[in-house]
Amino acid sequence: MRTEPMVVEGLAGPVVLAVNAFTGKHSVTVGGYQVSGTRRGNYTLPTADGRTVAAKLHSSLLDPHPSIEIAGVRYRTGPSLPVAVRVLVVLPLVLLVGGLIGGLIGAIGVGANLGIARGQQSTAVKSLLMIGVLILTVVVFVVLAAAVF
């Protein structure tokens, strides 16, 4: 997923954040040039006057779009999701009651829902797809549980 270019006053160009869907690793570019960062989401961004400014990436499980804090101001990298959709994102984790296998299947479901939440579809389509993922994870869990026991 790549964000739309964000113009932040004083920086050497528009900021674009790219997130690898499989690893969750972030990369930041300013004005088309890759910016180095640390594992903890700290980046040093070039400014228009040749200096640098510190930036910090903030992410949350309930929000698929991280925000970036530059000089004490937070900028969202994507649209905010309604609370009901945020709940749908993590709902497959109810399979944790099924132990390790349920937790693993639930975690895969949450990953799929996060991918859906980052998409460009309407909120209604995202909700329907997430409900489909929930149903699929429950069916897979029931089939596996029936096969084991």
Protein backbone atom coordinates (compact mmCIF):
# COMPACT_ATOMS: atom_id res chain seq x y z
CA MET A 1 0.00 0.00 0.00
CA ARG A 2 1.27 3.45 -0.92
CA THR A 3 -0.26 6.62 0.46
CA GLU A 4 -1.10 9.62 -1.63
CA PRO A 5 1.68 12.23 -1.57
CA MET A 6 1.29 14.53 1.45
CA VAL A 7 2.64 18.04 1.15
CA VAL A 8 4.08 19.16 4.49
CA GLU A 9 5.30 22.74 4.66
CA GLY A 10 9.06 23.00 5.02
CA LEU A 11 9.95 19.54 3.72
CA ALA A 12 12.01 18.96 0.57
CA GLY A 13 9.04 17.43 -1.24
CA PRO A 14 5.85 15.42 -0.79
CA VAL A 15 5.92 12.58 1.75
CA VAL A 16 4.83 9.12 0.61
CA LEU A 17 4.55 6.17 2.96
CA ALA A 18 4.66 2.61 1.61
CA VAL A 19 3.65 -0.37 3.76
CA ASN A 20 4.49 -3.96 2.80
CA ALA A 21 1.23 -5.90 3.24
CA PHE A 22 2.98 -9.12 4.27
CA THR A 23 5.73 -7.91 6.58
CA GLY A 24 4.20 -4.64 7.79
CA LYS A 25 7.52 -2.91 7.11
CA HIS A 26 7.28 0.80 6.32
CA SER A 27 9.33 2.89 3.94
CA VAL A 28 9.17 6.67 3.60
CA THR A 29 10.11 8.81 0.63
CA VAL A 30 10.38 12.59 0.52
CA GLY A 31 10.38 14.20 -2.89
CA GLY A 32 10.85 10.78 -4.48
CA TYR A 33 13.97 9.91 -2.46
CA GLN A 34 14.06 7.06 0.05
CA VAL A 35 14.57 8.19 3.66
CA SER A 36 16.42 5.99 6.14
CA GLY A 37 14.70 5.02 9.34
CA THR A 38 14.99 2.81 12.39
CA ARG A 39 13.04 -0.28 13.39
CA ARG A 40 11.00 1.76 15.83
CA GLY A 41 9.56 4.02 13.13
CA ASN A 42 11.88 7.01 13.59
CA TYR A 43 12.89 8.83 10.42
CA THR A 44 15.02 11.85 9.56
CA LEU A 45 13.32 13.84 6.80
CA PRO A 46 15.10 16.44 4.65
CA THR A 47 13.77 19.99 4.72
CA ALA A 48 13.66 22.52 1.90
CA ASP A 49 16.49 24.55 3.48
CA GLY A 50 18.91 21.57 3.57
CA ARG A 51 18.41 20.65 7.21
CA THR A 52 16.60 17.65 8.62
CA VAL A 53 13.62 17.14 10.89
CA ALA A 54 12.72 14.13 13.02
CA ALA A 55 9.59 12.14 12.21
CA LYS A 56 7.93 9.24 14.02
CA LEU A 57 5.53 6.69 12.59
CA HIS A 58 2.57 5.72 14.79
CA SER A 59 0.46 2.67 14.04
CA SER A 60 -2.32 0.80 15.79
CA LEU A 61 -4.00 -2.55 15.29
CA LEU A 62 -7.39 -0.83 15.19
CA ASP A 63 -6.31 1.68 12.56
CA PRO A 64 -4.96 0.27 9.27
CA HIS A 65 -3.49 3.63 8.24
CA PRO A 66 -0.52 4.77 10.31
CA SER A 67 0.02 8.42 11.11
CA ILE A 68 3.33 10.23 10.87
CA GLU A 69 4.38 12.84 13.41
CA ILE A 70 6.60 15.59 12.01
CA ALA A 71 7.80 18.40 14.30
CA GLY A 72 5.10 17.58 16.85
CA VAL A 73 2.20 17.57 14.35
CA ARG A 74 0.46 14.30 13.40
CA TYR A 75 -0.58 13.70 9.82
CA ARG A 76 -2.96 10.89 8.88
CA THR A 77 -1.84 8.75 5.94
CA GLY A 78 -5.31 7.48 5.11
CA PRO A 79 -8.98 7.99 5.88
CA SER A 80 -10.34 7.27 9.33
CA LEU A 81 -12.48 4.13 9.64
CA PRO A 82 -15.82 4.02 11.45
CA VAL A 83 -15.78 2.23 14.81
CA ALA A 84 -17.94 -0.63 13.51
CA VAL A 85 -15.42 -1.37 10.76
CA ARG A 86 -12.55 -1.25 13.27
CA VAL A 87 -14.38 -3.85 15.35
CA LEU A 88 -14.86 -6.02 12.25
CA VAL A 89 -11.11 -5.88 11.61
CA VAL A 90 -10.27 -7.62 14.89
CA LEU A 91 -13.40 -9.78 15.25
CA PRO A 92 -11.71 -12.98 13.94
CA LEU A 93 -9.60 -12.91 17.13
CA VAL A 94 -12.61 -14.40 18.97
CA LEU A 95 -11.23 -17.70 17.68
CA LEU A 96 -8.55 -17.38 20.37
CA VAL A 97 -10.97 -19.32 22.57
CA GLY A 98 -10.13 -22.28 20.33
CA GLY A 99 -6.54 -22.33 21.49
CA LEU A 100 -3.45 -22.17 19.33
CA ILE A 101 -5.12 -23.29 16.11
CA GLY A 102 -8.04 -20.89 16.63
CA GLY A 103 -5.64 -18.05 17.40
CA LEU A 104 -3.60 -18.76 14.28
CA ILE A 105 -6.68 -18.84 12.07
CA GLY A 106 -7.99 -15.69 13.77
CA ALA A 107 -4.67 -13.89 13.22
CA ILE A 108 -4.78 -14.78 9.52
CA GLY A 109 -8.32 -13.40 9.41
CA VAL A 110 -7.23 -10.16 11.07
CA GLY A 111 -4.41 -9.83 8.54
CA ALA A 112 -6.87 -10.30 5.69
CA ASN A 113 -9.22 -7.74 7.23
CA LEU A 114 -6.41 -5.21 7.59
CA GLY A 115 -5.66 -5.65 3.90
CA ILE A 116 -9.32 -5.06 3.11
CA ALA A 117 -9.45 -2.00 5.39
CA ARG A 118 -6.52 -0.44 3.53
CA GLY A 119 -8.28 -0.87 0.20
CA GLN A 120 -10.10 1.72 -1.87
CA GLN A 121 -13.58 0.16 -1.63
CA SER A 122 -16.55 1.85 0.01
CA THR A 123 -17.19 1.27 3.71
CA ALA A 124 -20.18 -0.97 2.91
CA VAL A 125 -18.13 -3.21 0.61
CA LYS A 126 -15.29 -3.37 3.15
CA SER A 127 -17.77 -4.38 5.85
CA LEU A 128 -19.29 -7.14 3.71
CA LEU A 129 -15.85 -8.48 2.77
CA MET A 130 -14.79 -8.50 6.44
CA ILE A 131 -17.94 -10.36 7.42
CA GLY A 132 -17.10 -12.88 4.69
CA VAL A 133 -13.59 -13.27 6.14
CA LEU A 134 -15.09 -13.81 9.59
CA ILE A 135 -17.45 -16.49 8.29
CA LEU A 136 -14.61 -18.15 6.38
CA THR A 137 -12.33 -18.22 9.44
CA VAL A 138 -15.07 -19.74 11.59
CA VAL A 139 -15.83 -22.39 8.94
CA VAL A 140 -12.13 -23.28 8.59
CA PHE A 141 -11.81 -23.50 12.38
CA VAL A 142 -14.90 -25.74 12.72
CA VAL A 143 -13.69 -28.03 9.92
CA LEU A 144 -10.22 -28.33 11.46
CA ALA A 145 -11.66 -28.88 14.93
CA ALA A 146 -13.98 -31.58 13.61
CA ALA A 147 -11.09 -33.28 11.80
CA VAL A 148 -8.90 -33.29 14.90
CA PHE A 149 -11.55 -34.41 17.38
